[in-house]
Amino acid sequence: MARSRPAKSQGDGNGDKKGSSSTPARRARTGADAGSRRNQPRTRQAAQPPKQGSVTKAVQQERRGGRFISDMIAELRKVQWPTRSQLLQSVAVVLLVVIIVVVYLWAVDAVVSRVVNAIF
């Protein structure tokens, strides 16, 4: 079913009411159509000159490795390193938790071994 009049974004302003939405040349460029390449005329591109030299995979790996090291150093400079007191507090907390877990596992092992010895 054809429209009796074009939508506001499809009108070309010359009063032609039929078929204005069917031809891409008459369609108004709005929204996503404004930047798309489909609506732009094609132009011939100049031929690209051949590459003079190629980079081997070994050179690419070496460059990537050097970039990795420099990026790693840059990231390590951003780290907020703990002060001596913060470090000592963290070490104390870790040692305390390890001691608690060791005592708990020792107690469980002792109970389980007594039960197993009593059964067998």
PDB file of N, CA and C in Angstrom:
ATOM      1  N   MET A   1       0.848  -1.176   0.000  1.00  0.00           N
ATOM      2  CA  MET A   1       0.000   0.000   0.000  1.00  0.00           C
ATOM      3  C   MET A   1       0.890   1.235   0.000  1.00  0.00           C
ATOM      4  N   ALA A   2       0.688   2.114  -0.943  1.00  0.00           N
ATOM      5  CA  ALA A   2       1.511   3.314  -1.081  1.00  0.00           C
ATOM      6  C   ALA A   2       0.994   4.414  -0.161  1.00  0.00           C
ATOM      7  N   ARG A   3       1.892   5.256   0.278  1.00  0.00           N
ATOM      8  CA  ARG A   3       1.508   6.392   1.115  1.00  0.00           C
ATOM      9  C   ARG A   3       0.946   7.492   0.237  1.00  0.00           C
ATOM     10  N   SER A   4       0.030   8.237   0.811  1.00  0.00           N
ATOM     11  CA  SER A   4      -0.528   9.356   0.049  1.00  0.00           C
ATOM     12  C   SER A   4       0.409  10.562   0.098  1.00  0.00           C
ATOM     13  N   ARG A   5       1.210  10.664   1.153  1.00  0.00           N
ATOM     14  CA  ARG A   5       2.204  11.729   1.215  1.00  0.00           C
ATOM     15  C   ARG A   5       3.434  11.199   1.958  1.00  0.00           C
ATOM     16  N   PRO A   6       4.613  11.698   1.616  1.00  0.00           N
ATOM     17  CA  PRO A   6       5.839  11.175   2.232  1.00  0.00           C
ATOM     18  C   PRO A   6       5.979  11.658   3.666  1.00  0.00           C
ATOM     19  N   ALA A   7       6.729  10.892   4.434  1.00  0.00           N
ATOM     20  CA  ALA A   7       7.019  11.310   5.801  1.00  0.00           C
ATOM     21  C   ALA A   7       7.909  12.542   5.769  1.00  0.00           C
ATOM     22  N   LYS A   8       7.990  13.245   6.901  1.00  0.00           N
ATOM     23  CA  LYS A   8       8.760  14.486   6.940  1.00  0.00           C
ATOM     24  C   LYS A   8      10.222  14.275   6.574  1.00  0.00           C
ATOM     25  N   SER A   9      10.833  13.175   7.014  1.00  0.00           N
ATOM     26  CA  SER A   9      12.251  12.958   6.725  1.00  0.00           C
ATOM     27  C   SER A   9      12.487  12.478   5.303  1.00  0.00           C
ATOM     28  N   GLN A  10      11.419  12.094   4.575  1.00  0.00           N
ATOM     29  CA  GLN A  10      11.598  11.565   3.238  1.00  0.00           C
ATOM     30  C   GLN A  10      11.262  12.571   2.147  1.00  0.00           C
ATOM     31  N   GLY A  11      10.671  13.670   2.486  1.00  0.00           N
ATOM     32  CA  GLY A  11      10.274  14.640   1.472  1.00  0.00           C
ATOM     33  C   GLY A  11      11.466  15.373   0.900  1.00  0.00           C
ATOM     34  N   ASP A  12      11.403  15.688  -0.410  1.00  0.00           N
ATOM     35  CA  ASP A  12      12.516  16.402  -1.008  1.00  0.00           C
ATOM     36  C   ASP A  12      12.180  17.870  -1.255  1.00  0.00           C
ATOM     37  N   GLY A  13      10.990  18.302  -0.892  1.00  0.00           N
ATOM     38  CA  GLY A  13      10.655  19.710  -0.951  1.00  0.00           C
ATOM     39  C   GLY A  13      10.169  20.204  -2.298  1.00  0.00           C
ATOM     40  N   ASN A  14      10.111  19.367  -3.339  1.00  0.00           N
ATOM     41  CA  ASN A  14       9.657  19.854  -4.632  1.00  0.00           C
ATOM     42  C   ASN A  14       8.220  19.477  -4.922  1.00  0.00           C
ATOM     43  N   GLY A  15       7.533  18.859  -3.980  1.00  0.00           N
ATOM     44  CA  GLY A  15       6.131  18.571  -4.161  1.00  0.00           C
ATOM     45  C   GLY A  15       5.873  17.225  -4.798  1.00  0.00           C
ATOM     46  N   ASP A  16       6.857  16.459  -5.183  1.00  0.00           N
ATOM     47  CA  ASP A  16       6.674  15.150  -5.754  1.00  0.00           C
ATOM     48  C   ASP A  16       6.304  14.192  -4.642  1.00  0.00           C
ATOM     49  N   LYS A  17       5.091  13.651  -4.648  1.00  0.00           N
ATOM     50  CA  LYS A  17       4.613  12.872  -3.535  1.00  0.00           C
ATOM     51  C   LYS A  17       4.688  11.381  -3.777  1.00  0.00           C
ATOM     52  N   LYS A  18       4.763  10.917  -4.975  1.00  0.00           N
ATOM     53  CA  LYS A  18       4.761   9.476  -5.175  1.00  0.00           C
ATOM     54  C   LYS A  18       6.167   8.973  -5.473  1.00  0.00           C
ATOM     55  N   GLY A  19       6.511   7.875  -4.826  1.00  0.00           N
ATOM     56  CA  GLY A  19       7.769   7.220  -5.078  1.00  0.00           C
ATOM     57  C   GLY A  19       8.979   7.888  -4.459  1.00  0.00           C
ATOM     58  N   SER A  20       8.822   8.837  -3.562  1.00  0.00           N
ATOM     59  CA  SER A  20       9.979   9.532  -3.019  1.00  0.00           C
ATOM     60  C   SER A  20      10.780   8.640  -2.071  1.00  0.00           C
ATOM     61  N   SER A  21      10.144   7.644  -1.461  1.00  0.00           N
ATOM     62  CA  SER A  21      10.873   6.787  -0.547  1.00  0.00           C
ATOM     63  C   SER A  21      11.520   5.603  -1.253  1.00  0.00           C
ATOM     64  N   SER A  22      11.171   5.366  -2.536  1.00  0.00           N
ATOM     65  CA  SER A  22      11.691   4.188  -3.207  1.00  0.00           C
ATOM     66  C   SER A  22      13.032   4.437  -3.880  1.00  0.00           C
ATOM     67  N   THR A  23      13.367   5.663  -4.223  1.00  0.00           N
ATOM     68  CA  THR A  23      14.635   5.918  -4.893  1.00  0.00           C
ATOM     69  C   THR A  23      15.629   6.485  -3.903  1.00  0.00           C
ATOM     70  N   PRO A  24      16.829   5.911  -3.846  1.00  0.00           N
ATOM     71  CA  PRO A  24      17.802   6.397  -2.867  1.00  0.00           C
ATOM     72  C   PRO A  24      18.304   7.797  -3.162  1.00  0.00           C
ATOM     73  N   ALA A  25      18.271   8.234  -4.421  1.00  0.00           N
ATOM     74  CA  ALA A  25      18.770   9.565  -4.745  1.00  0.00           C
ATOM     75  C   ALA A  25      17.879  10.646  -4.154  1.00  0.00           C
ATOM     76  N   ARG A  26      16.596  10.380  -4.030  1.00  0.00           N
ATOM     77  CA  ARG A  26      15.679  11.385  -3.504  1.00  0.00           C
ATOM     78  C   ARG A  26      15.516  11.309  -1.998  1.00  0.00           C
ATOM     79  N   ARG A  27      15.985  10.245  -1.397  1.00  0.00           N
ATOM     80  CA  ARG A  27      15.817  10.082   0.041  1.00  0.00           C
ATOM     81  C   ARG A  27      16.699  11.086   0.770  1.00  0.00           C
ATOM     82  N   ALA A  28      16.142  11.719   1.785  1.00  0.00           N
ATOM     83  CA  ALA A  28      16.902  12.712   2.559  1.00  0.00           C
ATOM     84  C   ALA A  28      17.899  11.984   3.451  1.00  0.00           C
ATOM     85  N   ARG A  29      19.082  12.549   3.597  1.00  0.00           N
ATOM     86  CA  ARG A  29      20.098  11.950   4.452  1.00  0.00           C
ATOM     87  C   ARG A  29      19.936  12.477   5.866  1.00  0.00           C
ATOM     88  N   THR A  30      19.466  11.607   6.724  1.00  0.00           N
ATOM     89  CA  THR A  30      19.316  11.980   8.128  1.00  0.00           C
ATOM     90  C   THR A  30      19.755  10.822   8.989  1.00  0.00           C
ATOM     91  N   GLY A  31      20.163  11.102  10.196  1.00  0.00           N
ATOM     92  CA  GLY A  31      20.489  10.065  11.169  1.00  0.00           C
ATOM     93  C   GLY A  31      21.626   9.180  10.705  1.00  0.00           C
ATOM     94  N   ALA A  32      21.379   7.873  10.635  1.00  0.00           N
ATOM     95  CA  ALA A  32      22.417   6.906  10.297  1.00  0.00           C
ATOM     96  C   ALA A  32      22.800   6.988   8.822  1.00  0.00           C
ATOM     97  N   ASP A  33      21.881   7.460   7.949  1.00  0.00           N
ATOM     98  CA  ASP A  33      22.189   7.530   6.522  1.00  0.00           C
ATOM     99  C   ASP A  33      23.192   8.633   6.202  1.00  0.00           C
ATOM    100  N   ALA A  34      23.308   9.638   7.068  1.00  0.00           N
ATOM    101  CA  ALA A  34      24.144  10.793   6.747  1.00  0.00           C
ATOM    102  C   ALA A  34      25.611  10.414   6.629  1.00  0.00           C
ATOM    103  N   GLY A  35      26.098   9.490   7.435  1.00  0.00           N
ATOM    104  CA  GLY A  35      27.510   9.161   7.408  1.00  0.00           C
ATOM    105  C   GLY A  35      27.836   7.864   6.707  1.00  0.00           C
ATOM    106  N   SER A  36      26.838   7.188   6.161  1.00  0.00           N
ATOM    107  CA  SER A  36      27.124   5.893   5.554  1.00  0.00           C
ATOM    108  C   SER A  36      27.730   6.067   4.176  1.00  0.00           C
ATOM    109  N   ARG A  37      28.500   5.075   3.775  1.00  0.00           N
ATOM    110  CA  ARG A  37      29.159   5.141   2.483  1.00  0.00           C
ATOM    111  C   ARG A  37      28.238   4.712   1.354  1.00  0.00           C
ATOM    112  N   ARG A  38      27.126   4.093   1.664  1.00  0.00           N
ATOM    113  CA  ARG A  38      26.230   3.629   0.608  1.00  0.00           C
ATOM    114  C   ARG A  38      25.634   4.793  -0.177  1.00  0.00           C
ATOM    115  N   ASN A  39      25.389   5.899   0.475  1.00  0.00           N
ATOM    116  CA  ASN A  39      24.748   7.023  -0.190  1.00  0.00           C
ATOM    117  C   ASN A  39      25.728   7.944  -0.897  1.00  0.00           C
ATOM    118  N   GLN A  40      27.019   7.743  -0.697  1.00  0.00           N
ATOM    119  CA  GLN A  40      28.004   8.616  -1.311  1.00  0.00           C
ATOM    120  C   GLN A  40      28.441   8.021  -2.643  1.00  0.00           C
ATOM    121  N   PRO A  41      28.703   8.870  -3.635  1.00  0.00           N
ATOM    122  CA  PRO A  41      29.150   8.338  -4.922  1.00  0.00           C
ATOM    123  C   PRO A  41      30.537   7.720  -4.790  1.00  0.00           C
ATOM    124  N   ARG A  42      30.778   6.671  -5.564  1.00  0.00           N
ATOM    125  CA  ARG A  42      32.062   5.988  -5.516  1.00  0.00           C
ATOM    126  C   ARG A  42      33.098   6.779  -6.292  1.00  0.00           C
ATOM    127  N   THR A  43      34.264   6.864  -5.725  1.00  0.00           N
ATOM    128  CA  THR A  43      35.368   7.530  -6.406  1.00  0.00           C
ATOM    129  C   THR A  43      36.467   6.515  -6.615  1.00  0.00           C
ATOM    130  N   ARG A  44      37.235   6.696  -7.664  1.00  0.00           N
ATOM    131  CA  ARG A  44      38.340   5.782  -7.932  1.00  0.00           C
ATOM    132  C   ARG A  44      39.504   6.133  -7.018  1.00  0.00           C
ATOM    133  N   GLN A  45      40.066   5.107  -6.417  1.00  0.00           N
ATOM    134  CA  GLN A  45      41.204   5.313  -5.544  1.00  0.00           C
ATOM    135  C   GLN A  45      42.474   5.053  -6.334  1.00  0.00           C
ATOM    136  N   ALA A  46      43.489   5.842  -6.028  1.00  0.00           N
ATOM    137  CA  ALA A  46      44.761   5.658  -6.696  1.00  0.00           C
ATOM    138  C   ALA A  46      45.379   4.347  -6.232  1.00  0.00           C
ATOM    139  N   ALA A  47      46.067   3.683  -7.130  1.00  0.00           N
ATOM    140  CA  ALA A  47      46.689   2.414  -6.793  1.00  0.00           C
ATOM    141  C   ALA A  47      47.788   2.639  -5.761  1.00  0.00           C
ATOM    142  N   GLN A  48      47.817   1.794  -4.743  1.00  0.00           N
ATOM    143  CA  GLN A  48      48.819   1.912  -3.701  1.00  0.00           C
ATOM    144  C   GLN A  48      50.150   1.378  -4.232  1.00  0.00           C
ATOM    145  N   PRO A  49      51.237   2.104  -3.975  1.00  0.00           N
ATOM    146  CA  PRO A  49      52.535   1.587  -4.418  1.00  0.00           C
ATOM    147  C   PRO A  49      52.895   0.353  -3.601  1.00  0.00           C
ATOM    148  N   PRO A  50      53.622  -0.592  -4.186  1.00  0.00           N
ATOM    149  CA  PRO A  50      53.990  -1.799  -3.438  1.00  0.00           C
ATOM    150  C   PRO A  50      54.911  -1.455  -2.270  1.00  0.00           C
ATOM    151  N   LYS A  51      54.856  -2.281  -1.241  1.00  0.00           N
ATOM    152  CA  LYS A  51      55.691  -2.056  -0.062  1.00  0.00           C
ATOM    153  C   LYS A  51      57.152  -2.268  -0.433  1.00  0.00           C
ATOM    154  N   GLN A  52      58.018  -1.419   0.113  1.00  0.00           N
ATOM    155  CA  GLN A  52      59.436  -1.510  -0.187  1.00  0.00           C
ATOM    156  C   GLN A  52      60.114  -2.623   0.601  1.00  0.00           C
ATOM    157  N   GLY A  53      59.685  -2.864   1.801  1.00  0.00           N
ATOM    158  CA  GLY A  53      60.285  -3.908   2.620  1.00  0.00           C
ATOM    159  C   GLY A  53      59.266  -4.437   3.595  1.00  0.00           C
ATOM    160  N   SER A  54      59.402  -5.682   3.959  1.00  0.00           N
ATOM    161  CA  SER A  54      58.455  -6.240   4.914  1.00  0.00           C
ATOM    162  C   SER A  54      59.174  -6.531   6.217  1.00  0.00           C
ATOM    163  N   VAL A  55      58.415  -6.526   7.272  1.00  0.00           N
ATOM    164  CA  VAL A  55      58.957  -6.780   8.597  1.00  0.00           C
ATOM    165  C   VAL A  55      58.741  -8.255   8.900  1.00  0.00           C
ATOM    166  N   THR A  56      59.789  -8.932   9.289  1.00  0.00           N
ATOM    167  CA  THR A  56      59.675 -10.352   9.587  1.00  0.00           C
ATOM    168  C   THR A  56      58.994 -10.566  10.927  1.00  0.00           C
ATOM    169  N   LYS A  57      58.573 -11.806  11.154  1.00  0.00           N
ATOM    170  CA  LYS A  57      57.902 -12.115  12.417  1.00  0.00           C
ATOM    171  C   LYS A  57      58.837 -11.941  13.600  1.00  0.00           C
ATOM    172  N   ALA A  58      60.114 -12.233  13.405  1.00  0.00           N
ATOM    173  CA  ALA A  58      61.071 -12.080  14.501  1.00  0.00           C
ATOM    174  C   ALA A  58      61.191 -10.618  14.922  1.00  0.00           C
ATOM    175  N   VAL A  59      61.214  -9.719  13.943  1.00  0.00           N
ATOM    176  CA  VAL A  59      61.302  -8.296  14.254  1.00  0.00           C
ATOM    177  C   VAL A  59      60.028  -7.835  14.951  1.00  0.00           C
ATOM    178  N   GLN A  60      58.882  -8.340  14.498  1.00  0.00           N
ATOM    179  CA  GLN A  60      57.624  -7.976  15.147  1.00  0.00           C
ATOM    180  C   GLN A  60      57.601  -8.466  16.590  1.00  0.00           C
ATOM    181  N   GLN A  61      58.086  -9.692  16.825  1.00  0.00           N
ATOM    182  CA  GLN A  61      58.128 -10.211  18.186  1.00  0.00           C
ATOM    183  C   GLN A  61      59.054  -9.379  19.064  1.00  0.00           C
ATOM    184  N   GLU A  62      60.200  -8.975  18.504  1.00  0.00           N
ATOM    185  CA  GLU A  62      61.149  -8.170  19.265  1.00  0.00           C
ATOM    186  C   GLU A  62      60.543  -6.822  19.620  1.00  0.00           C
ATOM    187  N   ARG A  63      59.860  -6.218  18.669  1.00  0.00           N
ATOM    188  CA  ARG A  63      59.221  -4.920  18.941  1.00  0.00           C
ATOM    189  C   ARG A  63      58.137  -5.074  19.994  1.00  0.00           C
ATOM    190  N   ARG A  64      57.352  -6.151  19.891  1.00  0.00           N
ATOM    191  CA  ARG A  64      56.288  -6.381  20.844  1.00  0.00           C
ATOM    192  C   ARG A  64      56.864  -6.588  22.242  1.00  0.00           C
ATOM    193  N   GLY A  65      57.995  -7.307  22.336  1.00  0.00           N
ATOM    194  CA  GLY A  65      58.624  -7.547  23.626  1.00  0.00           C
ATOM    195  C   GLY A  65      59.129  -6.261  24.252  1.00  0.00           C
ATOM    196  N   GLY A  66      59.735  -5.397  23.455  1.00  0.00           N
ATOM    197  CA  GLY A  66      60.216  -4.116  23.974  1.00  0.00           C
ATOM    198  C   GLY A  66      59.077  -3.232  24.422  1.00  0.00           C
ATOM    199  N   ARG A  67      58.006  -3.271  23.701  1.00  0.00           N
ATOM    200  CA  ARG A  67      56.841  -2.470  24.088  1.00  0.00           C
ATOM    201  C   ARG A  67      56.228  -3.013  25.374  1.00  0.00           C
ATOM    202  N   PHE A  68      56.236  -4.347  25.497  1.00  0.00           N
ATOM    203  CA  PHE A  68      55.691  -4.960  26.707  1.00  0.00           C
ATOM    204  C   PHE A  68      56.470  -4.510  27.935  1.00  0.00           C
ATOM    205  N   ILE A  69      57.791  -4.502  27.833  1.00  0.00           N
ATOM    206  CA  ILE A  69      58.624  -4.107  28.969  1.00  0.00           C
ATOM    207  C   ILE A  69      58.371  -2.650  29.341  1.00  0.00           C
ATOM    208  N   SER A  70      58.310  -1.778  28.345  1.00  0.00           N
ATOM    209  CA  SER A  70      58.084  -0.362  28.645  1.00  0.00           C
ATOM    210  C   SER A  70      56.688  -0.137  29.217  1.00  0.00           C
ATOM    211  N   ASP A  71      55.680  -0.875  28.707  1.00  0.00           N
ATOM    212  CA  ASP A  71      54.331  -0.759  29.271  1.00  0.00           C
ATOM    213  C   ASP A  71      54.285  -1.288  30.702  1.00  0.00           C
ATOM    214  N   MET A  72      55.027  -2.364  30.958  1.00  0.00           N
ATOM    215  CA  MET A  72      55.054  -2.933  32.299  1.00  0.00           C
ATOM    216  C   MET A  72      55.676  -1.947  33.293  1.00  0.00           C
ATOM    217  N   ILE A  73      56.754  -1.296  32.899  1.00  0.00           N
ATOM    218  CA  ILE A  73      57.400  -0.319  33.775  1.00  0.00           C
ATOM    219  C   ILE A  73      56.461   0.857  34.040  1.00  0.00           C
ATOM    220  N   ALA A  74      55.746   1.292  32.997  1.00  0.00           N
ATOM    221  CA  ALA A  74      54.804   2.397  33.177  1.00  0.00           C
ATOM    222  C   ALA A  74      53.680   2.020  34.138  1.00  0.00           C
ATOM    223  N   GLU A  75      53.194   0.784  34.053  1.00  0.00           N
ATOM    224  CA  GLU A  75      52.125   0.350  34.955  1.00  0.00           C
ATOM    225  C   GLU A  75      52.642   0.210  36.387  1.00  0.00           C
ATOM    226  N   LEU A  76      53.876  -0.263  36.551  1.00  0.00           N
ATOM    227  CA  LEU A  76      54.422  -0.407  37.900  1.00  0.00           C
ATOM    228  C   LEU A  76      54.641   0.942  38.569  1.00  0.00           C
ATOM    229  N   ARG A  77      54.843   1.981  37.784  1.00  0.00           N
ATOM    230  CA  ARG A  77      54.973   3.320  38.373  1.00  0.00           C
ATOM    231  C   ARG A  77      53.637   3.829  38.904  1.00  0.00           C
ATOM    232  N   LYS A  78      52.536   3.303  38.382  1.00  0.00           N
ATOM    233  CA  LYS A  78      51.209   3.732  38.831  1.00  0.00           C
ATOM    234  C   LYS A  78      50.771   3.033  40.116  1.00  0.00           C
ATOM    235  N   VAL A  79      51.467   1.961  40.493  1.00  0.00           N
ATOM    236  CA  VAL A  79      51.073   1.170  41.661  1.00  0.00           C
ATOM    237  C   VAL A  79      51.275   1.993  42.926  1.00  0.00           C
ATOM    238  N   GLN A  80      50.319   1.889  43.834  1.00  0.00           N
ATOM    239  CA  GLN A  80      50.456   2.547  45.128  1.00  0.00           C
ATOM    240  C   GLN A  80      51.080   1.540  46.083  1.00  0.00           C
ATOM    241  N   TRP A  81      52.375   1.669  46.303  1.00  0.00           N
ATOM    242  CA  TRP A  81      53.107   0.720  47.122  1.00  0.00           C
ATOM    243  C   TRP A  81      52.810   0.978  48.595  1.00  0.00           C
ATOM    244  N   PRO A  82      52.720  -0.107  49.407  1.00  0.00           N
ATOM    245  CA  PRO A  82      52.411   0.074  50.833  1.00  0.00           C
ATOM    246  C   PRO A  82      53.617   0.625  51.592  1.00  0.00           C
ATOM    247  N   THR A  83      53.317   1.297  52.687  1.00  0.00           N
ATOM    248  CA  THR A  83      54.390   1.777  53.568  1.00  0.00           C
ATOM    249  C   THR A  83      54.890   0.603  54.402  1.00  0.00           C
ATOM    250  N   ARG A  84      55.976   0.822  55.145  1.00  0.00           N
ATOM    251  CA  ARG A  84      56.543  -0.254  55.961  1.00  0.00           C
ATOM    252  C   ARG A  84      55.542  -0.722  57.020  1.00  0.00           C
ATOM    253  N   SER A  85      54.831   0.216  57.649  1.00  0.00           N
ATOM    254  CA  SER A  85      53.869  -0.172  58.688  1.00  0.00           C
ATOM    255  C   SER A  85      52.690  -0.952  58.095  1.00  0.00           C
ATOM    256  N   GLN A  86      52.218  -0.544  56.917  1.00  0.00           N
ATOM    257  CA  GLN A  86      51.138  -1.290  56.267  1.00  0.00           C
ATOM    258  C   GLN A  86      51.597  -2.699  55.898  1.00  0.00           C
ATOM    259  N   LEU A  87      52.833  -2.807  55.441  1.00  0.00           N
ATOM    260  CA  LEU A  87      53.372  -4.108  55.080  1.00  0.00           C
ATOM    261  C   LEU A  87      53.484  -5.021  56.294  1.00  0.00           C
ATOM    262  N   LEU A  88      53.974  -4.485  57.411  1.00  0.00           N
ATOM    263  CA  LEU A  88      54.100  -5.285  58.625  1.00  0.00           C
ATOM    264  C   LEU A  88      52.739  -5.716  59.159  1.00  0.00           C
ATOM    265  N   GLN A  89      51.739  -4.850  59.081  1.00  0.00           N
ATOM    266  CA  GLN A  89      50.388  -5.216  59.506  1.00  0.00           C
ATOM    267  C   GLN A  89      49.833  -6.343  58.642  1.00  0.00           C
ATOM    268  N   SER A  90      50.039  -6.250  57.336  1.00  0.00           N
ATOM    269  CA  SER A  90      49.542  -7.287  56.433  1.00  0.00           C
ATOM    270  C   SER A  90      50.231  -8.621  56.690  1.00  0.00           C
ATOM    271  N   VAL A  91      51.530  -8.596  56.921  1.00  0.00           N
ATOM    272  CA  VAL A  91      52.265  -9.827  57.212  1.00  0.00           C
ATOM    273  C   VAL A  91      51.752 -10.441  58.508  1.00  0.00           C
ATOM    274  N   ALA A  92      51.497  -9.627  59.526  1.00  0.00           N
ATOM    275  CA  ALA A  92      50.995 -10.128  60.806  1.00  0.00           C
ATOM    276  C   ALA A  92      49.623 -10.782  60.638  1.00  0.00           C
ATOM    277  N   VAL A  93      48.761 -10.166  59.864  1.00  0.00           N
ATOM    278  CA  VAL A  93      47.425 -10.728  59.641  1.00  0.00           C
ATOM    279  C   VAL A  93      47.531 -12.070  58.915  1.00  0.00           C
ATOM    280  N   VAL A  94      48.363 -12.142  57.899  1.00  0.00           N
ATOM    281  CA  VAL A  94      48.518 -13.386  57.135  1.00  0.00           C
ATOM    282  C   VAL A  94      49.066 -14.488  58.034  1.00  0.00           C
ATOM    283  N   LEU A  95      50.098 -14.186  58.838  1.00  0.00           N
ATOM    284  CA  LEU A  95      50.658 -15.200  59.731  1.00  0.00           C
ATOM    285  C   LEU A  95      49.633 -15.668  60.761  1.00  0.00           C
ATOM    286  N   LEU A  96      48.833 -14.761  61.291  1.00  0.00           N
ATOM    287  CA  LEU A  96      47.801 -15.120  62.258  1.00  0.00           C
ATOM    288  C   LEU A  96      46.771 -16.061  61.630  1.00  0.00           C
ATOM    289  N   VAL A  97      46.325 -15.756  60.431  1.00  0.00           N
ATOM    290  CA  VAL A  97      45.342 -16.605  59.751  1.00  0.00           C
ATOM    291  C   VAL A  97      45.944 -17.975  59.454  1.00  0.00           C
ATOM    292  N   VAL A  98      47.199 -18.025  59.043  1.00  0.00           N
ATOM    293  CA  VAL A  98      47.856 -19.307  58.760  1.00  0.00           C
ATOM    294  C   VAL A  98      47.942 -20.139  60.033  1.00  0.00           C
ATOM    295  N   ILE A  99      48.291 -19.521  61.145  1.00  0.00           N
ATOM    296  CA  ILE A  99      48.381 -20.255  62.413  1.00  0.00           C
ATOM    297  C   ILE A  99      47.017 -20.800  62.814  1.00  0.00           C
ATOM    298  N   ILE A 100      45.967 -20.020  62.666  1.00  0.00           N
ATOM    299  CA  ILE A 100      44.611 -20.476  63.011  1.00  0.00           C
ATOM    300  C   ILE A 100      44.206 -21.663  62.135  1.00  0.00           C
ATOM    301  N   VAL A 101      44.488 -21.605  60.854  1.00  0.00           N
ATOM    302  CA  VAL A 101      44.130 -22.696  59.957  1.00  0.00           C
ATOM    303  C   VAL A 101      44.938 -23.953  60.288  1.00  0.00           C
ATOM    304  N   VAL A 102      46.216 -23.795  60.608  1.00  0.00           N
ATOM    305  CA  VAL A 102      47.045 -24.947  60.971  1.00  0.00           C
ATOM    306  C   VAL A 102      46.504 -25.625  62.232  1.00  0.00           C
ATOM    307  N   VAL A 103      46.151 -24.851  63.245  1.00  0.00           N
ATOM    308  CA  VAL A 103      45.621 -25.424  64.485  1.00  0.00           C
ATOM    309  C   VAL A 103      44.297 -26.127  64.214  1.00  0.00           C
ATOM    310  N   TYR A 104      43.428 -25.527  63.412  1.00  0.00           N
ATOM    311  CA  TYR A 104      42.137 -26.140  63.084  1.00  0.00           C
ATOM    312  C   TYR A 104      42.349 -27.469  62.353  1.00  0.00           C
ATOM    313  N   LEU A 105      43.200 -27.487  61.341  1.00  0.00           N
ATOM    314  CA  LEU A 105      43.428 -28.722  60.596  1.00  0.00           C
ATOM    315  C   LEU A 105      44.101 -29.791  61.466  1.00  0.00           C
ATOM    316  N   TRP A 106      44.991 -29.391  62.365  1.00  0.00           N
ATOM    317  CA  TRP A 106      45.618 -30.346  63.284  1.00  0.00           C
ATOM    318  C   TRP A 106      44.566 -30.991  64.189  1.00  0.00           C
ATOM    319  N   ALA A 107      43.629 -30.163  64.697  1.00  0.00           N
ATOM    320  CA  ALA A 107      42.583 -30.690  65.577  1.00  0.00           C
ATOM    321  C   ALA A 107      41.665 -31.640  64.814  1.00  0.00           C
ATOM    322  N   VAL A 108      41.267 -31.285  63.620  1.00  0.00           N
ATOM    323  CA  VAL A 108      40.398 -32.149  62.818  1.00  0.00           C
ATOM    324  C   VAL A 108      41.121 -33.450  62.488  1.00  0.00           C
ATOM    325  N   ASP A 109      42.390 -33.376  62.146  1.00  0.00           N
ATOM    326  CA  ASP A 109      43.160 -34.572  61.825  1.00  0.00           C
ATOM    327  C   ASP A 109      43.273 -35.487  63.040  1.00  0.00           C
ATOM    328  N   ALA A 110      43.488 -34.894  64.199  1.00  0.00           N
ATOM    329  CA  ALA A 110      43.605 -35.709  65.413  1.00  0.00           C
ATOM    330  C   ALA A 110      42.298 -36.430  65.711  1.00  0.00           C
ATOM    331  N   VAL A 111      41.166 -35.748  65.587  1.00  0.00           N
ATOM    332  CA  VAL A 111      39.865 -36.353  65.865  1.00  0.00           C
ATOM    333  C   VAL A 111      39.572 -37.457  64.844  1.00  0.00           C
ATOM    334  N   VAL A 112      39.799 -37.183  63.572  1.00  0.00           N
ATOM    335  CA  VAL A 112      39.501 -38.177  62.535  1.00  0.00           C
ATOM    336  C   VAL A 112      40.412 -39.392  62.685  1.00  0.00           C
ATOM    337  N   SER A 113      41.674 -39.189  62.995  1.00  0.00           N
ATOM    338  CA  SER A 113      42.579 -40.334  63.146  1.00  0.00           C
ATOM    339  C   SER A 113      42.184 -41.197  64.353  1.00  0.00           C
ATOM    340  N   ARG A 114      41.727 -40.599  65.462  1.00  0.00           N
ATOM    341  CA  ARG A 114      41.257 -41.389  66.612  1.00  0.00           C
ATOM    342  C   ARG A 114      40.014 -42.192  66.254  1.00  0.00           C
ATOM    343  N   VAL A 115      39.090 -41.573  65.496  1.00  0.00           N
ATOM    344  CA  VAL A 115      37.888 -42.291  65.088  1.00  0.00           C
ATOM    345  C   VAL A 115      38.244 -43.453  64.169  1.00  0.00           C
ATOM    346  N   VAL A 116      39.134 -43.246  63.233  1.00  0.00           N
ATOM    347  CA  VAL A 116      39.518 -44.292  62.303  1.00  0.00           C
ATOM    348  C   VAL A 116      40.241 -45.413  63.062  1.00  0.00           C
ATOM    349  N   ASN A 117      41.119 -45.081  63.989  1.00  0.00           N
ATOM    350  CA  ASN A 117      41.813 -46.095  64.785  1.00  0.00           C
ATOM    351  C   ASN A 117      40.852 -46.896  65.681  1.00  0.00           C
ATOM    352  N   ALA A 118      39.802 -46.236  66.184  1.00  0.00           N
ATOM    353  CA  ALA A 118      38.838 -46.929  67.024  1.00  0.00           C
ATOM    354  C   ALA A 118      37.992 -47.909  66.205  1.00  0.00           C
ATOM    355  N   ILE A 119      37.702 -47.557  64.962  1.00  0.00           N
ATOM    356  CA  ILE A 119      36.866 -48.430  64.113  1.00  0.00           C
ATOM    357  C   ILE A 119      37.685 -49.611  63.625  1.00  0.00           C
ATOM    358  N   PHE A 120      38.888 -49.404  63.184  1.00  0.00           N
ATOM    359  CA  PHE A 120      39.681 -50.479  62.606  1.00  0.00           C
ATOM    360  C   PHE A 120      40.646 -50.952  63.632  1.00  0.00           C
TER     361      PHE A 120
END
